[in-house]
C-alpha atoms as a PDB file:
ATOM      1  CA  MET A   1       0.000   0.000   0.000  1.00  0.00           C
ATOM      2  CA  LYS A   2       1.428   3.363  -1.001  1.00  0.00           C
ATOM      3  CA  ILE A   3       0.653   6.528   0.932  1.00  0.00           C
ATOM      4  CA  ASP A   4       1.488   9.777  -0.802  1.00  0.00           C
ATOM      5  CA  ASN A   5       2.314  12.913   1.100  1.00  0.00           C
ATOM      6  CA  ASP A   6       0.592  15.946  -0.385  1.00  0.00           C
ATOM      7  CA  SER A   7       3.476  18.199   0.771  1.00  0.00           C
ATOM      8  CA  LYS A   8       1.208  20.489   2.803  1.00  0.00           C
ATOM      9  CA  VAL A   9       2.512  21.533   6.179  1.00  0.00           C
ATOM     10  CA  SER A  10       0.260  19.877   8.699  1.00  0.00           C
ATOM     11  CA  LEU A  11      -0.008  20.002  12.443  1.00  0.00           C
ATOM     12  CA  ILE A  12       1.888  16.708  12.671  1.00  0.00           C
ATOM     13  CA  ASP A  13       4.763  18.019  10.564  1.00  0.00           C
ATOM     14  CA  TYR A  14       4.890  21.202  12.641  1.00  0.00           C
ATOM     15  CA  LEU A  15       4.941  19.297  15.920  1.00  0.00           C
ATOM     16  CA  ILE A  16       7.678  16.969  14.712  1.00  0.00           C
ATOM     17  CA  ARG A  17       9.836  19.879  13.483  1.00  0.00           C
ATOM     18  CA  THR A  18       9.445  21.858  16.686  1.00  0.00           C
ATOM     19  CA  LYS A  19      10.153  18.818  18.845  1.00  0.00           C
ATOM     20  CA  ASN A  20      13.414  18.198  16.948  1.00  0.00           C
ATOM     21  CA  THR A  21      14.667  21.798  17.316  1.00  0.00           C
ATOM     22  CA  THR A  22      17.762  21.913  19.497  1.00  0.00           C
ATOM     23  CA  GLY A  23      18.754  24.574  21.966  1.00  0.00           C
ATOM     24  CA  SER A  24      21.858  25.428  19.934  1.00  0.00           C
ATOM     25  CA  GLU A  25      19.698  26.315  16.918  1.00  0.00           C
ATOM     26  CA  GLU A  26      17.580  28.592  19.107  1.00  0.00           C
ATOM     27  CA  ALA A  27      20.696  30.235  20.576  1.00  0.00           C
ATOM     28  CA  SER A  28      22.118  30.777  17.085  1.00  0.00           C
ATOM     29  CA  VAL A  29      18.968  32.578  15.954  1.00  0.00           C
ATOM     30  CA  LYS A  30      18.964  34.678  19.125  1.00  0.00           C
ATOM     31  CA  ASN A  31      22.613  35.685  18.587  1.00  0.00           C
ATOM     32  CA  ARG A  32      21.953  36.718  14.974  1.00  0.00           C
ATOM     33  CA  LYS A  33      19.020  38.893  16.051  1.00  0.00           C
ATOM     34  CA  GLU A  34      21.101  40.551  18.759  1.00  0.00           C
ATOM     35  CA  GLU A  35      23.886  41.269  16.242  1.00  0.00           C
ATOM     36  CA  LYS A  36      21.377  43.062  13.992  1.00  0.00           C
ATOM     37  CA  GLY A  37      20.142  45.187  16.892  1.00  0.00           C
ATOM     38  CA  ILE A  38      16.631  43.745  16.973  1.00  0.00           C
ATOM     39  CA  THR A  39      15.152  44.494  20.382  1.00  0.00           C
ATOM     40  CA  ASP A  40      11.401  43.903  20.031  1.00  0.00           C
ATOM     41  CA  ARG A  41      10.524  40.224  20.155  1.00  0.00           C
ATOM     42  CA  VAL A  42       8.134  37.723  21.614  1.00  0.00           C
ATOM     43  CA  GLU A  43       9.425  34.383  22.800  1.00  0.00           C
ATOM     44  CA  LEU A  44       7.241  31.340  23.377  1.00  0.00           C
ATOM     45  CA  THR A  45       8.563  28.270  25.037  1.00  0.00           C
ATOM     46  CA  ARG A  46       7.849  24.922  23.483  1.00  0.00           C
ATOM     47  CA  ASP A  47       5.587  24.113  26.407  1.00  0.00           C
ATOM     48  CA  ALA A  48       3.520  27.244  25.794  1.00  0.00           C
ATOM     49  CA  GLU A  49       3.232  26.407  22.098  1.00  0.00           C
ATOM     50  CA  PHE A  50       2.144  22.830  22.862  1.00  0.00           C
ATOM     51  CA  ARG A  51      -0.408  24.118  25.373  1.00  0.00           C
ATOM     52  CA  ARG A  52      -1.774  26.522  22.753  1.00  0.00           C
ATOM     53  CA  LEU A  53      -2.057  23.720  20.192  1.00  0.00           C
ATOM     54  CA  LYS A  54      -3.715  21.402  22.717  1.00  0.00           C
ATOM     55  CA  ASP A  55      -6.284  24.107  23.478  1.00  0.00           C
ATOM     56  CA  ILE A  56      -7.074  24.458  19.774  1.00  0.00           C
ATOM     57  CA  VAL A  57      -7.522  20.697  19.435  1.00  0.00           C
ATOM     58  CA  LYS A  58      -9.697  20.516  22.574  1.00  0.00           C
ATOM     59  CA  LYS A  59     -11.989  23.257  21.242  1.00  0.00           C
ATOM     60  CA  ALA A  60     -12.623  21.360  18.012  1.00  0.00           C
ATOM     61  CA  PRO A  61     -15.847  19.363  18.076  1.00  0.00           C
ATOM     62  CA  SER A  62     -15.326  15.659  18.708  1.00  0.00           C
ATOM     63  CA  VAL A  63     -18.359  14.706  16.610  1.00  0.00           C
ATOM     64  CA  ARG A  64     -19.017  16.245  13.223  1.00  0.00           C
ATOM     65  CA  GLU A  65     -22.743  15.748  12.719  1.00  0.00           C
ATOM     66  CA  GLU A  66     -22.735  16.722   9.018  1.00  0.00           C
ATOM     67  CA  LYS A  67     -20.004  14.161   8.284  1.00  0.00           C
ATOM     68  CA  ILE A  68     -21.922  11.432  10.149  1.00  0.00           C
ATOM     69  CA  ALA A  69     -25.103  12.216   8.229  1.00  0.00           C
ATOM     70  CA  THR A  70     -23.262  12.044   4.895  1.00  0.00           C
ATOM     71  CA  VAL A  71     -21.683   8.683   5.741  1.00  0.00           C
ATOM     72  CA  LYS A  72     -24.986   7.258   7.018  1.00  0.00           C
ATOM     73  CA  GLU A  73     -26.705   8.211   3.774  1.00  0.00           C
ATOM     74  CA  ALA A  74     -23.923   6.627   1.698  1.00  0.00           C
ATOM     75  CA  VAL A  75     -24.020   3.399   3.774  1.00  0.00           C
ATOM     76  CA  GLU A  76     -27.806   3.159   3.453  1.00  0.00           C
ATOM     77  CA  ALA A  77     -27.578   3.746  -0.305  1.00  0.00           C
ATOM     78  CA  LYS A  78     -24.731   1.169  -0.490  1.00  0.00           C
ATOM     79  CA  THR A  79     -22.452   3.693  -2.178  1.00  0.00           C
ATOM     80  CA  TYR A  80     -19.996   4.150   0.683  1.00  0.00           C
ATOM     81  CA  ASN A  81     -16.470   3.282  -0.452  1.00  0.00           C
ATOM     82  CA  ILE A  82     -13.706   2.947   2.117  1.00  0.00           C
ATOM     83  CA  LYS A  83     -10.271   3.948   0.857  1.00  0.00           C
ATOM     84  CA  GLY A  84      -7.555   1.911   2.562  1.00  0.00           C
ATOM     85  CA  GLU A  85      -4.956   4.635   2.106  1.00  0.00           C
ATOM     86  CA  LEU A  86      -7.075   7.159   4.004  1.00  0.00           C
ATOM     87  CA  VAL A  87      -7.662   4.710   6.850  1.00  0.00           C
ATOM     88  CA  ALA A  88      -3.921   3.965   7.080  1.00  0.00           C
ATOM     89  CA  LYS A  89      -3.046   7.680   6.996  1.00  0.00           C
ATOM     90  CA  SER A  90      -5.531   8.415   9.773  1.00  0.00           C
ATOM     91  CA  LEU A  91      -4.183   5.590  11.933  1.00  0.00           C
ATOM     92  CA  LEU A  92      -0.618   6.806  11.470  1.00  0.00           C
ATOM     93  CA  LYS A  93      -1.561  10.394  12.352  1.00  0.00           C
ATOM     94  CA  ASP A  94      -3.345   9.225  15.510  1.00  0.00           C
ATOM     95  CA  HIS A  95      -0.352   7.132  16.533  1.00  0.00           C
ATOM     96  CA  ILE A  96       2.105   9.975  15.954  1.00  0.00           C
ATOM     97  CA  LEU A  97      -0.062  12.444  17.888  1.00  0.00           C
ATOM     98  CA  GLU A  98      -0.365  10.048  20.823  1.00  0.00           C
ATOM     99  CA  THR A  99       3.413   9.513  20.797  1.00  0.00           C
ATOM    100  CA  ILE A 100       4.236  13.233  20.700  1.00  0.00           C
ATOM    101  CA  LEU A 101       1.569  14.525  23.057  1.00  0.00           C
END
């Protein structure tokens, strides 16, 4: 089974990139800004960013009624087609999110 990545930056990609950022990279960026004389800045810790993202996810509805209605209609009409690639992609995303968070 082949799963193609549509090259869009997703929440998963963002979380993985920010988790892999090292302190030396952050210090390097800070030093470059100081050399240029930049004084106005806002700094967020990784914990604050993760908390913000968790809040966004928690606010999202857990049940999408319109999606359920659409699927129910398709199942009743026997036109519902399950795509294995989409199921696999969803399972992988869930696993990665559980691992990271």
